[in-house]
N, C-alpha and C. Protein backbone atom coordinates (compact mmCIF):
# COMPACT_ATOMS: atom_id res chain seq x y z
N GLY A 1 120.65 83.38 114.06
CA GLY A 1 121.37 84.28 114.95
C GLY A 1 122.42 85.12 114.26
N LYS A 2 122.79 84.73 113.04
CA LYS A 2 123.79 85.50 112.29
C LYS A 2 123.14 86.44 111.28
N THR A 3 121.83 86.55 111.32
CA THR A 3 121.11 87.35 110.34
C THR A 3 120.57 88.63 110.97
N ARG A 4 120.75 89.73 110.25
CA ARG A 4 120.18 91.00 110.69
C ARG A 4 119.49 91.67 109.50
N THR A 5 118.26 92.07 109.66
CA THR A 5 117.52 92.72 108.59
C THR A 5 117.75 94.23 108.66
N VAL A 6 118.20 94.80 107.55
CA VAL A 6 118.49 96.24 107.52
C VAL A 6 117.68 97.00 106.49
N GLY A 7 116.89 96.29 105.67
CA GLY A 7 116.16 96.98 104.61
C GLY A 7 116.99 97.04 103.34
N VAL A 8 116.46 97.70 102.34
CA VAL A 8 117.11 97.79 101.02
C VAL A 8 117.73 99.17 100.85
N PRO A 9 119.04 99.27 100.74
CA PRO A 9 119.66 100.58 100.46
C PRO A 9 119.26 101.08 99.08
N ILE A 10 118.86 102.34 98.99
CA ILE A 10 118.46 102.91 97.71
C ILE A 10 119.16 104.25 97.51
N HIS A 11 119.13 104.72 96.28
CA HIS A 11 119.79 105.98 95.93
C HIS A 11 119.08 107.16 96.59
N ALA A 12 119.86 108.15 96.96
CA ALA A 12 119.30 109.33 97.64
C ALA A 12 118.37 110.15 96.75
N ASP A 13 118.38 109.91 95.44
CA ASP A 13 117.46 110.63 94.56
C ASP A 13 116.00 110.28 94.85
N TYR A 14 115.78 109.14 95.46
CA TYR A 14 114.40 108.74 95.79
C TYR A 14 113.99 109.39 97.09
N GLN A 15 113.04 110.31 96.99
CA GLN A 15 112.54 111.09 98.11
C GLN A 15 111.01 111.10 98.06
N PRO A 16 110.35 111.39 99.20
CA PRO A 16 108.89 111.48 99.17
C PRO A 16 108.41 112.48 98.11
N VAL A 17 107.33 112.14 97.44
CA VAL A 17 106.81 112.97 96.34
C VAL A 17 105.41 113.44 96.69
N ASP A 18 105.25 114.76 96.81
CA ASP A 18 103.93 115.33 96.98
C ASP A 18 103.44 115.89 95.65
N ALA A 19 102.28 116.52 95.65
CA ALA A 19 101.71 117.02 94.39
C ALA A 19 102.62 118.05 93.73
N HIS A 20 103.25 118.90 94.53
CA HIS A 20 104.14 119.92 93.98
C HIS A 20 105.33 119.28 93.26
N LYS A 21 105.95 118.29 93.91
CA LYS A 21 107.10 117.63 93.28
C LYS A 21 106.68 116.84 92.06
N ARG A 22 105.52 116.20 92.11
CA ARG A 22 105.05 115.45 90.95
C ARG A 22 104.86 116.40 89.76
N ASN A 23 104.28 117.56 90.00
CA ASN A 23 104.10 118.52 88.92
C ASN A 23 105.44 119.04 88.41
N HIS A 24 106.40 119.19 89.31
CA HIS A 24 107.74 119.63 88.90
C HIS A 24 108.36 118.64 87.91
N PHE A 25 108.28 117.35 88.23
CA PHE A 25 108.87 116.35 87.35
C PHE A 25 108.06 116.19 86.06
N LYS A 26 106.75 116.36 86.14
CA LYS A 26 105.95 116.34 84.91
C LYS A 26 106.38 117.45 83.98
N HIS A 27 106.65 118.63 84.53
CA HIS A 27 107.11 119.76 83.72
C HIS A 27 108.48 119.46 83.12
N GLU A 28 109.38 118.89 83.91
CA GLU A 28 110.71 118.55 83.39
C GLU A 28 110.63 117.58 82.21
N LEU A 29 109.67 116.67 82.26
CA LEU A 29 109.53 115.65 81.22
C LEU A 29 108.61 116.10 80.09
N GLY A 30 108.12 117.33 80.16
CA GLY A 30 107.25 117.84 79.11
C GLY A 30 105.85 117.26 79.13
N LEU A 31 105.39 116.84 80.32
CA LEU A 31 104.09 116.19 80.45
C LEU A 31 103.09 117.01 81.24
N GLU A 32 103.38 118.30 81.41
CA GLU A 32 102.53 119.12 82.28
C GLU A 32 101.12 119.27 81.74
N ARG A 33 100.90 119.04 80.44
CA ARG A 33 99.56 119.22 79.88
C ARG A 33 98.65 118.02 80.16
N PHE A 34 99.22 116.94 80.69
CA PHE A 34 98.43 115.74 80.95
C PHE A 34 98.02 115.68 82.42
N ASP A 35 96.75 115.37 82.65
CA ASP A 35 96.25 115.27 84.02
C ASP A 35 96.75 114.02 84.71
N LYS A 36 96.97 112.94 83.95
CA LYS A 36 97.37 111.66 84.54
C LYS A 36 98.58 111.09 83.80
N VAL A 37 99.45 110.43 84.56
CA VAL A 37 100.65 109.80 83.99
C VAL A 37 100.76 108.38 84.53
N LEU A 38 100.94 107.44 83.62
CA LEU A 38 101.18 106.03 83.96
C LEU A 38 102.62 105.70 83.62
N PHE A 39 103.35 105.11 84.57
CA PHE A 39 104.72 104.68 84.34
C PHE A 39 104.77 103.17 84.42
N VAL A 40 105.38 102.55 83.40
CA VAL A 40 105.50 101.09 83.34
C VAL A 40 106.97 100.72 83.25
N THR A 41 107.42 99.83 84.12
CA THR A 41 108.81 99.40 84.07
C THR A 41 108.92 97.91 84.35
N GLY A 42 109.71 97.25 83.53
CA GLY A 42 109.97 95.83 83.73
C GLY A 42 111.36 95.57 84.23
N GLY A 43 112.04 96.63 84.74
CA GLY A 43 113.41 96.47 85.20
C GLY A 43 114.40 96.81 84.09
N GLY A 44 115.69 96.77 84.43
CA GLY A 44 116.73 97.21 83.50
C GLY A 44 116.76 96.43 82.20
N LEU A 45 116.44 95.14 82.24
CA LEU A 45 116.46 94.32 81.03
C LEU A 45 115.10 94.25 80.34
N GLY A 46 114.13 94.90 80.96
CA GLY A 46 112.79 94.84 80.40
C GLY A 46 112.10 93.54 80.77
N ALA A 47 110.85 93.42 80.43
CA ALA A 47 110.07 92.22 80.70
C ALA A 47 109.15 92.01 79.51
N GLN A 48 109.48 91.04 78.66
CA GLN A 48 108.77 90.88 77.40
C GLN A 48 107.27 90.65 77.60
N ARG A 49 106.92 89.83 78.56
CA ARG A 49 105.49 89.56 78.77
C ARG A 49 104.75 90.80 79.26
N LEU A 50 105.41 91.58 80.09
CA LEU A 50 104.78 92.82 80.55
C LEU A 50 104.67 93.81 79.39
N ASN A 51 105.72 93.89 78.56
CA ASN A 51 105.67 94.75 77.38
C ASN A 51 104.50 94.37 76.47
N ASP A 52 104.33 93.06 76.26
CA ASP A 52 103.24 92.58 75.40
C ASP A 52 101.88 92.93 76.00
N ALA A 53 101.77 92.83 77.32
CA ALA A 53 100.50 93.13 77.98
C ALA A 53 100.15 94.61 77.83
N ILE A 54 101.15 95.47 77.97
CA ILE A 54 100.90 96.90 77.83
C ILE A 54 100.54 97.24 76.39
N GLU A 55 101.23 96.63 75.44
CA GLU A 55 100.91 96.87 74.03
C GLU A 55 99.45 96.51 73.74
N ALA A 56 98.98 95.44 74.33
CA ALA A 56 97.61 94.98 74.08
C ALA A 56 96.56 95.94 74.63
N LEU A 57 96.85 96.57 75.77
CA LEU A 57 95.83 97.44 76.39
C LEU A 57 95.99 98.92 76.03
N LEU A 58 97.15 99.29 75.48
CA LEU A 58 97.45 100.71 75.29
C LEU A 58 96.46 101.45 74.39
N PRO A 59 96.10 100.95 73.21
CA PRO A 59 95.16 101.71 72.37
C PRO A 59 93.84 101.97 73.07
N LYS A 60 93.31 100.97 73.74
CA LYS A 60 92.03 101.12 74.44
C LYS A 60 92.16 102.10 75.60
N LEU A 61 93.26 102.04 76.33
CA LEU A 61 93.46 102.92 77.48
C LEU A 61 93.60 104.37 77.04
N LEU A 62 94.37 104.60 75.99
CA LEU A 62 94.55 105.96 75.49
C LEU A 62 93.25 106.53 74.95
N ALA A 63 92.46 105.67 74.30
CA ALA A 63 91.17 106.13 73.77
C ALA A 63 90.21 106.49 74.89
N ALA A 64 90.24 105.71 75.97
CA ALA A 64 89.31 105.94 77.08
C ALA A 64 89.73 107.11 77.96
N MET A 65 91.03 107.47 77.93
CA MET A 65 91.54 108.50 78.82
C MET A 65 92.38 109.51 78.02
N PRO A 66 91.74 110.47 77.38
CA PRO A 66 92.47 111.43 76.56
C PRO A 66 93.41 112.33 77.35
N GLU A 67 93.26 112.35 78.68
CA GLU A 67 94.12 113.18 79.52
C GLU A 67 95.34 112.41 80.02
N LEU A 68 95.57 111.19 79.51
CA LEU A 68 96.62 110.29 80.01
C LEU A 68 97.86 110.31 79.12
N ALA A 69 99.04 110.30 79.79
CA ALA A 69 100.32 110.05 79.12
C ALA A 69 100.92 108.80 79.72
N VAL A 70 101.68 108.04 78.92
CA VAL A 70 102.28 106.79 79.37
C VAL A 70 103.78 106.82 79.12
N ILE A 71 104.53 106.46 80.16
CA ILE A 71 105.98 106.30 80.04
C ILE A 71 106.27 104.82 80.22
N GLN A 72 106.96 104.21 79.27
CA GLN A 72 107.22 102.78 79.34
C GLN A 72 108.71 102.51 79.20
N SER A 73 109.31 101.94 80.24
CA SER A 73 110.71 101.51 80.20
C SER A 73 110.72 100.04 79.80
N VAL A 74 111.20 99.76 78.59
CA VAL A 74 110.97 98.44 77.97
C VAL A 74 112.20 97.54 77.96
N GLY A 75 113.37 98.06 78.31
CA GLY A 75 114.61 97.28 78.20
C GLY A 75 115.32 97.60 76.89
N ARG A 76 116.64 97.68 76.95
CA ARG A 76 117.42 98.08 75.77
C ARG A 76 117.14 97.21 74.56
N LEU A 77 117.04 95.90 74.76
CA LEU A 77 116.89 94.98 73.63
C LEU A 77 115.55 95.12 72.93
N HIS A 78 114.57 95.70 73.61
CA HIS A 78 113.21 95.76 73.07
C HIS A 78 112.83 97.14 72.53
N GLU A 79 113.66 98.15 72.76
CA GLU A 79 113.26 99.52 72.47
C GLU A 79 112.91 99.74 71.00
N GLY A 80 113.80 99.37 70.10
CA GLY A 80 113.56 99.61 68.68
C GLY A 80 112.33 98.90 68.16
N GLU A 81 112.18 97.64 68.54
CA GLU A 81 111.05 96.85 68.08
C GLU A 81 109.73 97.43 68.57
N ILE A 82 109.68 97.82 69.83
CA ILE A 82 108.42 98.33 70.39
C ILE A 82 108.07 99.68 69.79
N LYS A 83 109.06 100.53 69.58
CA LYS A 83 108.78 101.81 68.93
C LYS A 83 108.20 101.60 67.54
N GLN A 84 108.74 100.64 66.79
CA GLN A 84 108.21 100.36 65.46
C GLN A 84 106.78 99.84 65.53
N ARG A 85 106.53 98.96 66.49
CA ARG A 85 105.18 98.41 66.62
C ARG A 85 104.18 99.49 67.01
N TYR A 86 104.58 100.43 67.86
CA TYR A 86 103.67 101.51 68.26
C TYR A 86 103.41 102.46 67.09
N GLU A 87 104.38 102.62 66.21
CA GLU A 87 104.16 103.46 65.03
C GLU A 87 103.06 102.88 64.15
N GLN A 88 102.95 101.56 64.13
CA GLN A 88 101.91 100.90 63.33
C GLN A 88 100.59 100.80 64.09
N LEU A 89 100.69 100.66 65.42
CA LEU A 89 99.51 100.39 66.24
C LEU A 89 98.76 101.66 66.64
N LEU A 90 99.50 102.75 66.89
CA LEU A 90 98.90 103.95 67.45
C LEU A 90 98.79 105.06 66.42
N THR A 91 97.83 105.93 66.60
CA THR A 91 97.71 107.11 65.75
C THR A 91 98.87 108.06 66.06
N PRO A 92 99.21 108.96 65.13
CA PRO A 92 100.27 109.93 65.41
C PRO A 92 100.03 110.73 66.69
N GLU A 93 98.78 111.08 66.96
CA GLU A 93 98.46 111.82 68.18
C GLU A 93 98.74 110.98 69.42
N ASP A 94 98.33 109.72 69.39
CA ASP A 94 98.57 108.85 70.54
C ASP A 94 100.05 108.55 70.73
N GLN A 95 100.80 108.47 69.64
CA GLN A 95 102.24 108.25 69.75
C GLN A 95 102.91 109.37 70.54
N ARG A 96 102.38 110.58 70.42
CA ARG A 96 102.96 111.70 71.16
C ARG A 96 102.62 111.65 72.65
N ARG A 97 101.73 110.76 73.02
CA ARG A 97 101.36 110.60 74.43
C ARG A 97 102.10 109.44 75.09
N VAL A 98 102.95 108.76 74.34
CA VAL A 98 103.66 107.59 74.85
C VAL A 98 105.16 107.81 74.72
N ILE A 99 105.88 107.72 75.83
CA ILE A 99 107.34 107.82 75.85
C ILE A 99 107.89 106.41 76.07
N VAL A 100 108.64 105.91 75.09
CA VAL A 100 109.26 104.59 75.20
C VAL A 100 110.75 104.76 75.46
N LYS A 101 111.23 104.16 76.55
CA LYS A 101 112.63 104.23 76.91
C LYS A 101 113.20 102.82 76.98
N GLY A 102 114.40 102.64 76.40
CA GLY A 102 115.04 101.35 76.50
C GLY A 102 115.59 101.11 77.89
N PHE A 103 116.28 102.12 78.43
CA PHE A 103 116.88 102.01 79.75
C PHE A 103 117.04 103.42 80.29
N VAL A 104 116.76 103.59 81.57
CA VAL A 104 116.89 104.92 82.18
C VAL A 104 117.79 104.83 83.40
N THR A 105 118.65 105.83 83.56
CA THR A 105 119.50 105.91 84.74
C THR A 105 118.94 106.89 85.76
N ASP A 106 117.88 107.57 85.38
CA ASP A 106 117.23 108.55 86.27
C ASP A 106 115.75 108.18 86.45
N MET A 107 115.52 106.93 86.78
CA MET A 107 114.14 106.44 86.87
C MET A 107 113.32 107.21 87.89
N HIS A 108 113.98 107.77 88.90
CA HIS A 108 113.23 108.49 89.94
C HIS A 108 112.42 109.65 89.36
N ARG A 109 112.88 110.24 88.25
CA ARG A 109 112.14 111.34 87.64
C ARG A 109 110.84 110.84 87.01
N TYR A 110 110.91 109.71 86.33
CA TYR A 110 109.73 109.16 85.66
C TYR A 110 108.73 108.62 86.67
N SER A 111 109.23 107.92 87.68
CA SER A 111 108.32 107.39 88.70
C SER A 111 107.71 108.53 89.53
N ALA A 112 108.48 109.58 89.78
CA ALA A 112 107.96 110.71 90.55
C ALA A 112 106.83 111.41 89.81
N ALA A 113 106.91 111.46 88.49
CA ALA A 113 105.88 112.14 87.69
C ALA A 113 104.60 111.33 87.58
N ALA A 114 104.66 110.05 87.94
CA ALA A 114 103.54 109.15 87.69
C ALA A 114 102.49 109.20 88.80
N ASP A 115 101.25 108.99 88.39
CA ASP A 115 100.17 108.78 89.34
C ASP A 115 100.09 107.31 89.74
N VAL A 116 100.34 106.44 88.76
CA VAL A 116 100.28 104.98 88.97
C VAL A 116 101.48 104.35 88.29
N ILE A 117 102.03 103.30 88.91
CA ILE A 117 103.16 102.57 88.35
C ILE A 117 102.77 101.11 88.18
N ILE A 118 103.07 100.56 87.00
CA ILE A 118 102.95 99.12 86.78
C ILE A 118 104.36 98.57 86.72
N GLN A 119 104.63 97.51 87.51
CA GLN A 119 106.00 97.02 87.61
C GLN A 119 106.01 95.56 87.99
N ARG A 120 107.22 94.98 87.95
CA ARG A 120 107.45 93.66 88.51
C ARG A 120 107.53 93.79 90.03
N ALA A 121 108.01 92.76 90.72
CA ALA A 121 108.00 92.78 92.18
C ALA A 121 109.40 92.61 92.75
N GLY A 122 110.39 93.23 92.09
CA GLY A 122 111.74 93.21 92.63
C GLY A 122 111.83 94.08 93.87
N ALA A 123 112.64 93.65 94.84
CA ALA A 123 112.69 94.33 96.14
C ALA A 123 113.21 95.75 96.03
N THR A 124 114.20 95.99 95.17
CA THR A 124 114.79 97.33 95.10
C THR A 124 113.79 98.34 94.55
N ALA A 125 113.13 98.01 93.45
CA ALA A 125 112.13 98.93 92.89
C ALA A 125 111.00 99.18 93.88
N LEU A 126 110.58 98.15 94.58
CA LEU A 126 109.52 98.33 95.57
C LEU A 126 109.96 99.28 96.68
N ALA A 127 111.21 99.14 97.10
CA ALA A 127 111.74 100.04 98.14
C ALA A 127 111.81 101.48 97.63
N GLU A 128 112.23 101.65 96.38
CA GLU A 128 112.34 102.99 95.80
C GLU A 128 110.97 103.66 95.71
N PHE A 129 109.98 102.91 95.24
CA PHE A 129 108.66 103.49 95.07
C PHE A 129 107.94 103.65 96.41
N ALA A 130 108.35 102.87 97.42
CA ALA A 130 107.81 103.06 98.77
C ALA A 130 108.22 104.42 99.31
N VAL A 131 109.48 104.81 99.06
CA VAL A 131 109.94 106.12 99.51
C VAL A 131 109.12 107.23 98.83
N GLN A 132 108.82 107.04 97.54
CA GLN A 132 108.06 108.03 96.80
C GLN A 132 106.55 107.96 97.08
N GLN A 133 106.14 106.95 97.83
CA GLN A 133 104.74 106.78 98.20
C GLN A 133 103.84 106.65 96.97
N LYS A 134 104.21 105.71 96.11
CA LYS A 134 103.52 105.54 94.85
C LYS A 134 102.50 104.40 94.89
N ALA A 135 101.42 104.58 94.15
CA ALA A 135 100.42 103.54 93.96
C ALA A 135 100.91 102.59 92.87
N CYS A 136 101.05 101.32 93.22
CA CYS A 136 101.66 100.36 92.30
C CYS A 136 100.73 99.20 91.98
N ILE A 137 100.72 98.84 90.71
CA ILE A 137 100.12 97.59 90.24
C ILE A 137 101.29 96.66 89.93
N ILE A 138 101.32 95.51 90.60
CA ILE A 138 102.47 94.62 90.50
C ILE A 138 102.09 93.39 89.69
N VAL A 139 102.92 93.08 88.69
CA VAL A 139 102.78 91.85 87.91
C VAL A 139 104.04 91.02 88.20
N PRO A 140 104.02 90.17 89.21
CA PRO A 140 105.23 89.47 89.62
C PRO A 140 105.69 88.44 88.59
N ASN A 141 107.01 88.32 88.46
CA ASN A 141 107.58 87.28 87.60
C ASN A 141 107.48 85.95 88.36
N PRO A 142 106.79 84.96 87.79
CA PRO A 142 106.54 83.72 88.54
C PRO A 142 107.68 82.72 88.51
N VAL A 143 108.72 82.96 87.71
CA VAL A 143 109.74 81.92 87.51
C VAL A 143 111.09 82.26 88.13
N LEU A 144 111.23 83.44 88.72
CA LEU A 144 112.53 83.80 89.29
C LEU A 144 112.79 83.00 90.57
N THR A 145 114.05 82.98 90.98
CA THR A 145 114.53 82.11 92.05
C THR A 145 113.62 82.08 93.27
N GLY A 146 113.19 80.87 93.62
CA GLY A 146 112.41 80.68 94.83
C GLY A 146 111.04 81.33 94.81
N GLY A 147 110.60 81.79 93.64
CA GLY A 147 109.32 82.48 93.56
C GLY A 147 109.28 83.73 94.42
N HIS A 148 110.45 84.40 94.56
CA HIS A 148 110.52 85.51 95.51
C HIS A 148 109.63 86.69 95.11
N GLN A 149 109.44 86.90 93.80
CA GLN A 149 108.56 88.01 93.42
C GLN A 149 107.11 87.71 93.77
N LEU A 150 106.70 86.46 93.64
CA LEU A 150 105.34 86.10 94.04
C LEU A 150 105.16 86.33 95.53
N LYS A 151 106.18 86.01 96.31
CA LYS A 151 106.10 86.19 97.77
C LYS A 151 106.07 87.67 98.13
N ASN A 152 106.93 88.47 97.47
CA ASN A 152 106.92 89.91 97.71
C ASN A 152 105.53 90.49 97.44
N ALA A 153 104.99 90.13 96.27
CA ALA A 153 103.71 90.69 95.85
C ALA A 153 102.58 90.25 96.78
N SER A 154 102.57 88.97 97.13
CA SER A 154 101.52 88.45 97.99
C SER A 154 101.52 89.12 99.36
N TYR A 155 102.70 89.31 99.93
CA TYR A 155 102.80 89.92 101.25
C TYR A 155 102.29 91.37 101.22
N LEU A 156 102.74 92.13 100.22
CA LEU A 156 102.32 93.53 100.14
C LEU A 156 100.83 93.65 99.86
N ALA A 157 100.30 92.76 99.04
CA ALA A 157 98.87 92.80 98.74
C ALA A 157 98.05 92.53 99.99
N GLN A 158 98.50 91.57 100.81
CA GLN A 158 97.81 91.27 102.06
C GLN A 158 97.78 92.48 102.99
N LYS A 159 98.80 93.33 102.91
CA LYS A 159 98.88 94.52 103.75
C LYS A 159 98.19 95.72 103.12
N GLY A 160 97.58 95.53 101.95
CA GLY A 160 96.90 96.63 101.29
C GLY A 160 97.84 97.67 100.72
N ALA A 161 99.07 97.24 100.37
CA ALA A 161 100.10 98.17 99.92
C ALA A 161 100.29 98.18 98.41
N CYS A 162 99.58 97.32 97.69
CA CYS A 162 99.68 97.29 96.23
C CYS A 162 98.51 96.49 95.69
N ILE A 163 98.37 96.52 94.38
CA ILE A 163 97.41 95.66 93.68
C ILE A 163 98.22 94.66 92.86
N VAL A 164 97.89 93.40 92.96
CA VAL A 164 98.63 92.35 92.25
C VAL A 164 97.78 91.79 91.12
N VAL A 165 98.39 91.70 89.94
CA VAL A 165 97.78 91.01 88.80
C VAL A 165 98.77 89.94 88.35
N ARG A 166 98.39 88.68 88.44
CA ARG A 166 99.27 87.59 88.04
C ARG A 166 99.46 87.60 86.52
N GLU A 167 100.59 87.05 86.08
CA GLU A 167 100.86 87.00 84.64
C GLU A 167 99.74 86.31 83.88
N THR A 168 99.19 85.27 84.49
CA THR A 168 98.11 84.52 83.82
C THR A 168 96.82 85.31 83.74
N GLU A 169 96.75 86.45 84.47
CA GLU A 169 95.52 87.23 84.52
C GLU A 169 95.60 88.53 83.73
N VAL A 170 96.78 88.85 83.16
CA VAL A 170 96.94 90.19 82.59
C VAL A 170 95.95 90.46 81.46
N ALA A 171 95.71 89.47 80.62
CA ALA A 171 94.79 89.70 79.50
C ALA A 171 93.38 90.01 79.98
N ALA A 172 92.98 89.37 81.08
CA ALA A 172 91.61 89.53 81.57
C ALA A 172 91.45 90.71 82.53
N LYS A 173 92.52 91.06 83.26
CA LYS A 173 92.35 92.00 84.37
C LYS A 173 93.13 93.30 84.28
N LEU A 174 94.27 93.30 83.58
CA LEU A 174 95.18 94.44 83.71
C LEU A 174 94.54 95.74 83.24
N TYR A 175 93.80 95.72 82.14
CA TYR A 175 93.18 96.95 81.67
C TYR A 175 92.21 97.51 82.71
N ASP A 176 91.30 96.68 83.20
CA ASP A 176 90.29 97.15 84.13
C ASP A 176 90.92 97.69 85.42
N VAL A 177 91.92 96.97 85.93
CA VAL A 177 92.59 97.39 87.17
C VAL A 177 93.30 98.73 86.96
N THR A 178 93.99 98.86 85.83
CA THR A 178 94.73 100.09 85.54
C THR A 178 93.79 101.27 85.36
N TYR A 179 92.74 101.09 84.58
CA TYR A 179 91.77 102.16 84.34
C TYR A 179 91.14 102.61 85.65
N ALA A 180 90.75 101.65 86.48
CA ALA A 180 90.09 101.99 87.74
C ALA A 180 91.02 102.76 88.66
N LEU A 181 92.27 102.32 88.78
CA LEU A 181 93.19 102.98 89.70
C LEU A 181 93.57 104.37 89.21
N LEU A 182 93.75 104.55 87.92
CA LEU A 182 94.07 105.87 87.38
C LEU A 182 92.95 106.87 87.66
N ASN A 183 91.73 106.37 87.82
CA ASN A 183 90.59 107.24 88.06
C ASN A 183 90.17 107.30 89.52
N ASP A 184 90.99 106.79 90.40
CA ASP A 184 90.64 106.76 91.82
C ASP A 184 91.78 107.36 92.65
N ALA A 185 91.77 108.67 92.80
CA ALA A 185 92.85 109.36 93.52
C ALA A 185 92.92 108.91 94.98
N MET A 186 91.79 108.60 95.59
CA MET A 186 91.80 108.17 96.98
C MET A 186 92.52 106.84 97.14
N GLN A 187 92.24 105.89 96.25
CA GLN A 187 92.93 104.60 96.35
C GLN A 187 94.42 104.75 96.07
N GLN A 188 94.77 105.64 95.14
CA GLN A 188 96.19 105.91 94.90
C GLN A 188 96.86 106.37 96.19
N HIS A 189 96.20 107.28 96.89
CA HIS A 189 96.76 107.82 98.13
C HIS A 189 96.91 106.73 99.18
N VAL A 190 95.89 105.89 99.33
CA VAL A 190 95.94 104.83 100.34
C VAL A 190 97.04 103.83 100.02
N LEU A 191 97.14 103.40 98.77
CA LEU A 191 98.18 102.45 98.38
C LEU A 191 99.57 103.03 98.61
N GLY A 192 99.75 104.30 98.25
CA GLY A 192 101.04 104.95 98.46
C GLY A 192 101.41 105.03 99.92
N GLU A 193 100.44 105.36 100.77
CA GLU A 193 100.70 105.45 102.20
C GLU A 193 101.04 104.08 102.79
N GLU A 194 100.33 103.05 102.37
CA GLU A 194 100.58 101.72 102.91
C GLU A 194 101.93 101.17 102.44
N LEU A 195 102.28 101.42 101.18
CA LEU A 195 103.58 100.96 100.69
C LEU A 195 104.70 101.69 101.41
N ALA A 196 104.49 102.97 101.72
CA ALA A 196 105.52 103.76 102.40
C ALA A 196 105.85 103.21 103.78
N LYS A 197 104.94 102.45 104.38
CA LYS A 197 105.20 101.87 105.70
C LYS A 197 106.33 100.85 105.68
N PHE A 198 106.67 100.36 104.48
CA PHE A 198 107.75 99.38 104.37
C PHE A 198 109.10 100.04 104.07
N GLU A 199 109.09 101.35 103.98
CA GLU A 199 110.34 102.08 103.76
C GLU A 199 111.24 101.97 105.00
N VAL A 200 112.53 101.72 104.76
CA VAL A 200 113.53 101.77 105.83
C VAL A 200 114.50 102.89 105.45
N PRO A 201 114.28 104.11 105.91
CA PRO A 201 115.02 105.27 105.40
C PRO A 201 116.52 105.23 105.66
N ASP A 202 116.94 104.51 106.71
CA ASP A 202 118.37 104.46 107.00
C ASP A 202 118.97 103.09 106.72
N ALA A 203 118.42 102.38 105.73
CA ALA A 203 118.91 101.03 105.42
C ALA A 203 120.40 101.03 105.09
N ALA A 204 120.85 102.01 104.30
CA ALA A 204 122.27 102.06 103.92
C ALA A 204 123.15 102.26 105.15
N LYS A 205 122.70 103.12 106.04
CA LYS A 205 123.47 103.37 107.27
C LYS A 205 123.52 102.12 108.13
N GLN A 206 122.39 101.43 108.27
CA GLN A 206 122.37 100.21 109.06
C GLN A 206 123.33 99.17 108.49
N LEU A 207 123.32 99.03 107.17
CA LEU A 207 124.22 98.07 106.52
C LEU A 207 125.67 98.46 106.75
N ALA A 208 125.98 99.76 106.62
CA ALA A 208 127.34 100.22 106.85
C ALA A 208 127.80 99.94 108.28
N MET A 209 126.91 100.11 109.24
CA MET A 209 127.26 99.86 110.63
C MET A 209 127.55 98.39 110.88
N VAL A 210 126.78 97.50 110.23
CA VAL A 210 127.06 96.07 110.35
C VAL A 210 128.45 95.75 109.81
N LEU A 211 128.77 96.32 108.65
CA LEU A 211 130.08 96.08 108.04
C LEU A 211 131.20 96.60 108.92
N LEU A 212 130.99 97.77 109.48
CA LEU A 212 132.03 98.35 110.35
C LEU A 212 132.22 97.51 111.61
N GLU A 213 131.12 97.01 112.15
CA GLU A 213 131.23 96.17 113.33
C GLU A 213 132.04 94.90 113.03
N GLN A 214 131.76 94.31 111.87
CA GLN A 214 132.45 93.06 111.52
C GLN A 214 133.91 93.31 111.14
N ALA A 215 134.21 94.55 110.76
CA ALA A 215 135.58 94.87 110.34
C ALA A 215 136.49 95.19 111.52
N GLN A 216 135.94 95.29 112.73
CA GLN A 216 136.78 95.59 113.91
C GLN A 216 137.72 94.44 114.17
N PRO A 217 138.96 94.75 114.54
CA PRO A 217 139.92 93.68 114.84
C PRO A 217 139.39 92.80 115.97
N LEU A 218 139.59 91.51 115.82
CA LEU A 218 139.18 90.59 116.87
C LEU A 218 140.02 90.83 118.13
N LYS A 219 139.37 90.81 119.27
CA LYS A 219 140.08 91.04 120.52
C LYS A 219 140.30 89.70 121.26
C-alpha cells in the first residue's frame, strides 16, 4: 500500500528515433557511408564478458557484412586494452569500421544511430532505448542483486520486446542472432515497437508529484 510505480526517469535527450533522425546521428558520427550500425554497451563500467564475446564474433561479423559499422562502449578500464587487441585482431580497413569508446556521456547519439543494440538488462538503459524504439539483443548479467537483470530480460522476451542471449550461450548463439537481426528490418521494427510499449514518458513528473505530495505539511 505504500508503493507506487512511476517508471524510470530518463534524460530528455532520449526521444523517438525515425529513419531521418537515425541518418542525422549517423552523419554526426561520420557513419553515413554504412548501411547498418551495431551499438554495443555494457554500461558505464563496461562488461568484460560481453566485451570478450564481441571480440570473438567481430572479425567474422565484419567479414560477412561489409556495409556494417560497430560502436562499442567498453568501460573506461577496458578501453586501452581492447583498442590494442583490435589493432592485432582486425585489418586496418576493419579497424576503421569499429569505434571503441571507454565511456560516453552522450550515449543517446550512438544508440540513435544504431539499427541494433546489444546490451545488458539494466532498467535505465532499457527505458532509454524503449523511448528510441530500438531493437535490442539483451545479454543479462546473471549475478547481480536478486537476479534482477535475468527477470527484466525474461519478462521483455515473453512480451516479444527483445531477444535474450544468456551469458552461457553467447559463444554458440550471439553471432547468429546478431547477424540475423541486422539483416531483418521487419523484426527490428517489431522489437522496437514492442519495447516502446514499456515507455513511461512522464515518469520524472510522476516521481516529482509523489515527492511533492509527501513534502506537504502534515495537517
